């Protein structure tokens, strides 16, 4: 896949849980520990999302730290992003457990709904790209948890 094709696939990922700016094609190159990456998104002086040239996988590159796996391919990243966007819309539409409940009971029900959304999203990610959520500190795992936290806050 060339840079223009990759950029076209990533163009619809603006609501991704990555705060950086998507980069135009051709992508800047970055080498980390001898591995070449094409930088597809940048959060200046903090991190980047990058395509590993040798196998087409997507990686998170924090400044001054080791590369962290995100997805097996750009297609898997786009599919996970779509799942995330759908769950984010569901979370935004959540209106809480309803009236007539005590504050503690309402908080418990909101937390339960958030946990259910998070677990369902993680299962969906796992079906799309199992390696993307194999680690509980992975990009998509953290994104799903933060989405749930926002619902119950």
C-alpha atoms as a PDB file:
ATOM      1  CA  UNK A   1       0.000   0.000   0.000  1.00  0.00           C
ATOM      2  CA  UNK A   2       1.416   3.381  -0.925  1.00  0.00           C
ATOM      3  CA  UNK A   3       1.123   6.562   1.152  1.00  0.00           C
ATOM      4  CA  UNK A   4      -1.717   8.035  -0.915  1.00  0.00           C
ATOM      5  CA  UNK A   5      -3.811   4.870  -0.483  1.00  0.00           C
ATOM      6  CA  UNK A   6      -3.083   4.810   3.258  1.00  0.00           C
ATOM      7  CA  UNK A   7      -3.987   8.508   3.628  1.00  0.00           C
ATOM      8  CA  UNK A   8      -7.266   7.935   1.783  1.00  0.00           C
ATOM      9  CA  UNK A   9      -8.216   5.095   4.146  1.00  0.00           C
ATOM     10  CA  UNK A  10      -7.303   7.137   7.220  1.00  0.00           C
ATOM     11  CA  UNK A  11      -9.140  10.269   6.062  1.00  0.00           C
ATOM     12  CA  UNK A  12     -12.339   9.183   7.778  1.00  0.00           C
ATOM     13  CA  UNK A  13     -10.706   8.648  11.178  1.00  0.00           C
ATOM     14  CA  UNK A  14     -11.040  12.191  12.506  1.00  0.00           C
ATOM     15  CA  UNK A  15     -12.935  11.021  15.624  1.00  0.00           C
ATOM     16  CA  UNK A  16     -10.234   8.550  16.577  1.00  0.00           C
ATOM     17  CA  UNK A  17      -9.199   8.595  20.258  1.00  0.00           C
ATOM     18  CA  UNK A  18      -5.833   9.998  19.149  1.00  0.00           C
ATOM     19  CA  UNK A  19      -5.609  13.789  19.552  1.00  0.00           C
ATOM     20  CA  UNK A  20      -2.973  14.358  16.883  1.00  0.00           C
ATOM     21  CA  UNK A  21      -3.327  15.816  13.408  1.00  0.00           C
ATOM     22  CA  UNK A  22      -3.508  13.482  10.410  1.00  0.00           C
ATOM     23  CA  UNK A  23      -0.645  13.976   7.996  1.00  0.00           C
ATOM     24  CA  UNK A  24      -0.892  14.335   4.228  1.00  0.00           C
ATOM     25  CA  UNK A  25       0.744  11.959   1.781  1.00  0.00           C
ATOM     26  CA  UNK A  26       3.664  11.423   1.304  1.00  0.00           C
ATOM     27  CA  UNK A  27       4.308  10.632   4.961  1.00  0.00           C
ATOM     28  CA  UNK A  28       7.425  11.703   6.806  1.00  0.00           C
ATOM     29  CA  UNK A  29       9.714   8.851   7.745  1.00  0.00           C
ATOM     30  CA  UNK A  30      10.847   8.080  11.280  1.00  0.00           C
ATOM     31  CA  UNK A  31      13.210   5.357  12.408  1.00  0.00           C
ATOM     32  CA  UNK A  32      12.803   3.859  15.884  1.00  0.00           C
ATOM     33  CA  UNK A  33      15.254   1.194  17.034  1.00  0.00           C
ATOM     34  CA  UNK A  34      16.210   0.517  13.428  1.00  0.00           C
ATOM     35  CA  UNK A  35      12.627   0.063  12.202  1.00  0.00           C
ATOM     36  CA  UNK A  36      11.244   2.427   9.551  1.00  0.00           C
ATOM     37  CA  UNK A  37       7.843   4.017  10.102  1.00  0.00           C
ATOM     38  CA  UNK A  38       5.703   6.356   8.009  1.00  0.00           C
ATOM     39  CA  UNK A  39       4.172   8.971  10.316  1.00  0.00           C
ATOM     40  CA  UNK A  40       0.414   9.191   9.634  1.00  0.00           C
ATOM     41  CA  UNK A  41      -0.633  11.408  12.583  1.00  0.00           C
ATOM     42  CA  UNK A  42       1.277  13.676  14.970  1.00  0.00           C
ATOM     43  CA  UNK A  43       0.603  15.188  18.372  1.00  0.00           C
ATOM     44  CA  UNK A  44       3.578  17.605  18.408  1.00  0.00           C
ATOM     45  CA  UNK A  45       6.323  16.841  20.925  1.00  0.00           C
ATOM     46  CA  UNK A  46       4.208  14.069  22.495  1.00  0.00           C
ATOM     47  CA  UNK A  47       3.662  11.190  20.099  1.00  0.00           C
ATOM     48  CA  UNK A  48       2.834   9.959  16.631  1.00  0.00           C
ATOM     49  CA  UNK A  49       0.819   7.218  14.978  1.00  0.00           C
ATOM     50  CA  UNK A  50       2.883   5.492  12.354  1.00  0.00           C
ATOM     51  CA  UNK A  51       2.696   2.782   9.744  1.00  0.00           C
ATOM     52  CA  UNK A  52       5.478   0.227  10.042  1.00  0.00           C
ATOM     53  CA  UNK A  53       6.803  -0.072   6.517  1.00  0.00           C
ATOM     54  CA  UNK A  54       7.911  -3.711   6.703  1.00  0.00           C
ATOM     55  CA  UNK A  55       4.503  -5.231   7.483  1.00  0.00           C
ATOM     56  CA  UNK A  56       1.837  -2.497   7.253  1.00  0.00           C
ATOM     57  CA  UNK A  57       0.978  -2.558  10.960  1.00  0.00           C
ATOM     58  CA  UNK A  58       0.100   0.635  12.846  1.00  0.00           C
ATOM     59  CA  UNK A  59       2.089   1.749  15.896  1.00  0.00           C
ATOM     60  CA  UNK A  60       1.947   4.441  18.596  1.00  0.00           C
ATOM     61  CA  UNK A  61       5.301   6.238  18.916  1.00  0.00           C
ATOM     62  CA  UNK A  62       5.567   8.206  22.173  1.00  0.00           C
ATOM     63  CA  UNK A  63       8.425  10.700  22.254  1.00  0.00           C
ATOM     64  CA  UNK A  64      11.437   9.126  23.896  1.00  0.00           C
ATOM     65  CA  UNK A  65       9.798   5.746  24.500  1.00  0.00           C
ATOM     66  CA  UNK A  66       9.435   2.393  22.760  1.00  0.00           C
ATOM     67  CA  UNK A  67       6.942   1.878  19.928  1.00  0.00           C
ATOM     68  CA  UNK A  68       3.612   0.371  21.013  1.00  0.00           C
ATOM     69  CA  UNK A  69       1.501  -1.825  18.743  1.00  0.00           C
ATOM     70  CA  UNK A  70      -1.931  -0.436  17.733  1.00  0.00           C
ATOM     71  CA  UNK A  71      -3.310  -2.558  14.862  1.00  0.00           C
ATOM     72  CA  UNK A  72      -2.256  -5.296  12.462  1.00  0.00           C
ATOM     73  CA  UNK A  73      -3.080  -3.129   9.443  1.00  0.00           C
ATOM     74  CA  UNK A  74      -4.573   0.188   8.411  1.00  0.00           C
ATOM     75  CA  UNK A  75      -7.768  -1.645   7.419  1.00  0.00           C
ATOM     76  CA  UNK A  76      -8.000  -3.067  10.966  1.00  0.00           C
ATOM     77  CA  UNK A  77      -7.363   0.415  12.400  1.00  0.00           C
ATOM     78  CA  UNK A  78     -10.160   1.895  10.274  1.00  0.00           C
ATOM     79  CA  UNK A  79     -12.534  -0.911  11.353  1.00  0.00           C
ATOM     80  CA  UNK A  80     -11.672  -0.374  15.037  1.00  0.00           C
ATOM     81  CA  UNK A  81     -12.120   3.359  14.587  1.00  0.00           C
ATOM     82  CA  UNK A  82     -15.611   2.810  13.146  1.00  0.00           C
ATOM     83  CA  UNK A  83     -16.510   0.604  16.104  1.00  0.00           C
ATOM     84  CA  UNK A  84     -15.165   3.282  18.451  1.00  0.00           C
ATOM     85  CA  UNK A  85     -17.187   6.011  16.729  1.00  0.00           C
ATOM     86  CA  UNK A  86     -20.389   3.959  17.013  1.00  0.00           C
ATOM     87  CA  UNK A  87     -19.757   3.334  20.720  1.00  0.00           C
ATOM     88  CA  UNK A  88     -18.929   7.027  21.243  1.00  0.00           C
ATOM     89  CA  UNK A  89     -22.287   7.959  19.685  1.00  0.00           C
ATOM     90  CA  UNK A  90     -24.016   5.461  21.963  1.00  0.00           C
ATOM     91  CA  UNK A  91     -22.192   6.883  24.999  1.00  0.00           C
ATOM     92  CA  UNK A  92     -23.116  10.450  23.998  1.00  0.00           C
ATOM     93  CA  UNK A  93     -26.775   9.451  23.657  1.00  0.00           C
ATOM     94  CA  UNK A  94     -26.831   7.828  27.102  1.00  0.00           C
ATOM     95  CA  UNK A  95     -29.114   9.883  29.331  1.00  0.00           C
ATOM     96  CA  UNK A  96     -28.449   8.147  32.602  1.00  0.00           C
ATOM     97  CA  UNK A  97     -30.486   5.625  34.555  1.00  0.00           C
ATOM     98  CA  UNK A  98     -33.562   7.839  34.855  1.00  0.00           C
ATOM     99  CA  UNK A  99     -35.364   9.768  37.551  1.00  0.00           C
ATOM    100  CA  UNK A 100     -36.682   8.510  40.848  1.00  0.00           C
ATOM    101  CA  UNK A 101     -33.456   6.863  41.963  1.00  0.00           C
ATOM    102  CA  UNK A 102     -31.188   7.754  44.815  1.00  0.00           C
ATOM    103  CA  UNK A 103     -27.859   9.338  43.924  1.00  0.00           C
ATOM    104  CA  UNK A 104     -25.863   6.233  44.838  1.00  0.00           C
ATOM    105  CA  UNK A 105     -28.185   3.862  42.932  1.00  0.00           C
ATOM    106  CA  UNK A 106     -28.121   6.140  39.882  1.00  0.00           C
ATOM    107  CA  UNK A 107     -24.308   6.241  40.015  1.00  0.00           C
ATOM    108  CA  UNK A 108     -24.146   2.440  40.283  1.00  0.00           C
ATOM    109  CA  UNK A 109     -26.458   1.997  37.276  1.00  0.00           C
ATOM    110  CA  UNK A 110     -24.481   4.530  35.222  1.00  0.00           C
ATOM    111  CA  UNK A 111     -21.251   2.720  36.073  1.00  0.00           C
ATOM    112  CA  UNK A 112     -22.822  -0.607  35.104  1.00  0.00           C
ATOM    113  CA  UNK A 113     -23.937   0.829  31.735  1.00  0.00           C
ATOM    114  CA  UNK A 114     -20.439   2.227  31.170  1.00  0.00           C
ATOM    115  CA  UNK A 115     -18.834  -1.120  32.006  1.00  0.00           C
ATOM    116  CA  UNK A 116     -21.190  -2.912  29.615  1.00  0.00           C
ATOM    117  CA  UNK A 117     -20.389  -0.478  26.802  1.00  0.00           C
ATOM    118  CA  UNK A 118     -16.650  -0.854  27.448  1.00  0.00           C
ATOM    119  CA  UNK A 119     -16.806  -4.662  27.495  1.00  0.00           C
ATOM    120  CA  UNK A 120     -18.940  -4.813  24.341  1.00  0.00           C
ATOM    121  CA  UNK A 121     -16.528  -2.479  22.551  1.00  0.00           C
ATOM    122  CA  UNK A 122     -13.503  -4.511  23.643  1.00  0.00           C
ATOM    123  CA  UNK A 123     -15.191  -7.682  22.359  1.00  0.00           C
ATOM    124  CA  UNK A 124     -15.841  -5.965  19.038  1.00  0.00           C
ATOM    125  CA  UNK A 125     -12.222  -4.809  18.815  1.00  0.00           C
ATOM    126  CA  UNK A 126     -11.136  -8.358  19.612  1.00  0.00           C
ATOM    127  CA  UNK A 127     -13.255  -9.718  16.765  1.00  0.00           C
ATOM    128  CA  UNK A 128     -11.798  -7.139  14.355  1.00  0.00           C
ATOM    129  CA  UNK A 129      -8.120  -7.432  15.353  1.00  0.00           C
ATOM    130  CA  UNK A 130      -7.396  -9.683  18.357  1.00  0.00           C
ATOM    131  CA  UNK A 131      -3.818  -8.435  18.718  1.00  0.00           C
ATOM    132  CA  UNK A 132      -5.090  -4.852  19.097  1.00  0.00           C
ATOM    133  CA  UNK A 133      -6.587  -5.585  22.528  1.00  0.00           C
ATOM    134  CA  UNK A 134      -4.352  -8.424  23.701  1.00  0.00           C
ATOM    135  CA  UNK A 135      -2.682  -6.074  26.200  1.00  0.00           C
ATOM    136  CA  UNK A 136      -4.842  -4.200  28.719  1.00  0.00           C
ATOM    137  CA  UNK A 137      -2.667  -1.102  28.189  1.00  0.00           C
ATOM    138  CA  UNK A 138      -3.132  -1.127  24.414  1.00  0.00           C
ATOM    139  CA  UNK A 139      -4.303   1.913  22.469  1.00  0.00           C
ATOM    140  CA  UNK A 140      -7.831   0.564  21.863  1.00  0.00           C
ATOM    141  CA  UNK A 141      -8.185  -0.937  25.341  1.00  0.00           C
ATOM    142  CA  UNK A 142      -7.420   2.423  26.929  1.00  0.00           C
ATOM    143  CA  UNK A 143      -9.705   4.203  24.434  1.00  0.00           C
ATOM    144  CA  UNK A 144     -12.628   1.903  25.309  1.00  0.00           C
ATOM    145  CA  UNK A 145     -12.080   2.376  29.033  1.00  0.00           C
ATOM    146  CA  UNK A 146     -11.899   6.165  28.739  1.00  0.00           C
ATOM    147  CA  UNK A 147     -15.123   6.167  26.743  1.00  0.00           C
ATOM    148  CA  UNK A 148     -16.806   4.229  29.550  1.00  0.00           C
ATOM    149  CA  UNK A 149     -15.364   6.523  32.214  1.00  0.00           C
ATOM    150  CA  UNK A 150     -16.898   9.478  30.402  1.00  0.00           C
ATOM    151  CA  UNK A 151     -20.331   7.836  30.614  1.00  0.00           C
ATOM    152  CA  UNK A 152     -20.207   7.192  34.341  1.00  0.00           C
ATOM    153  CA  UNK A 153     -18.596  10.473  35.375  1.00  0.00           C
END
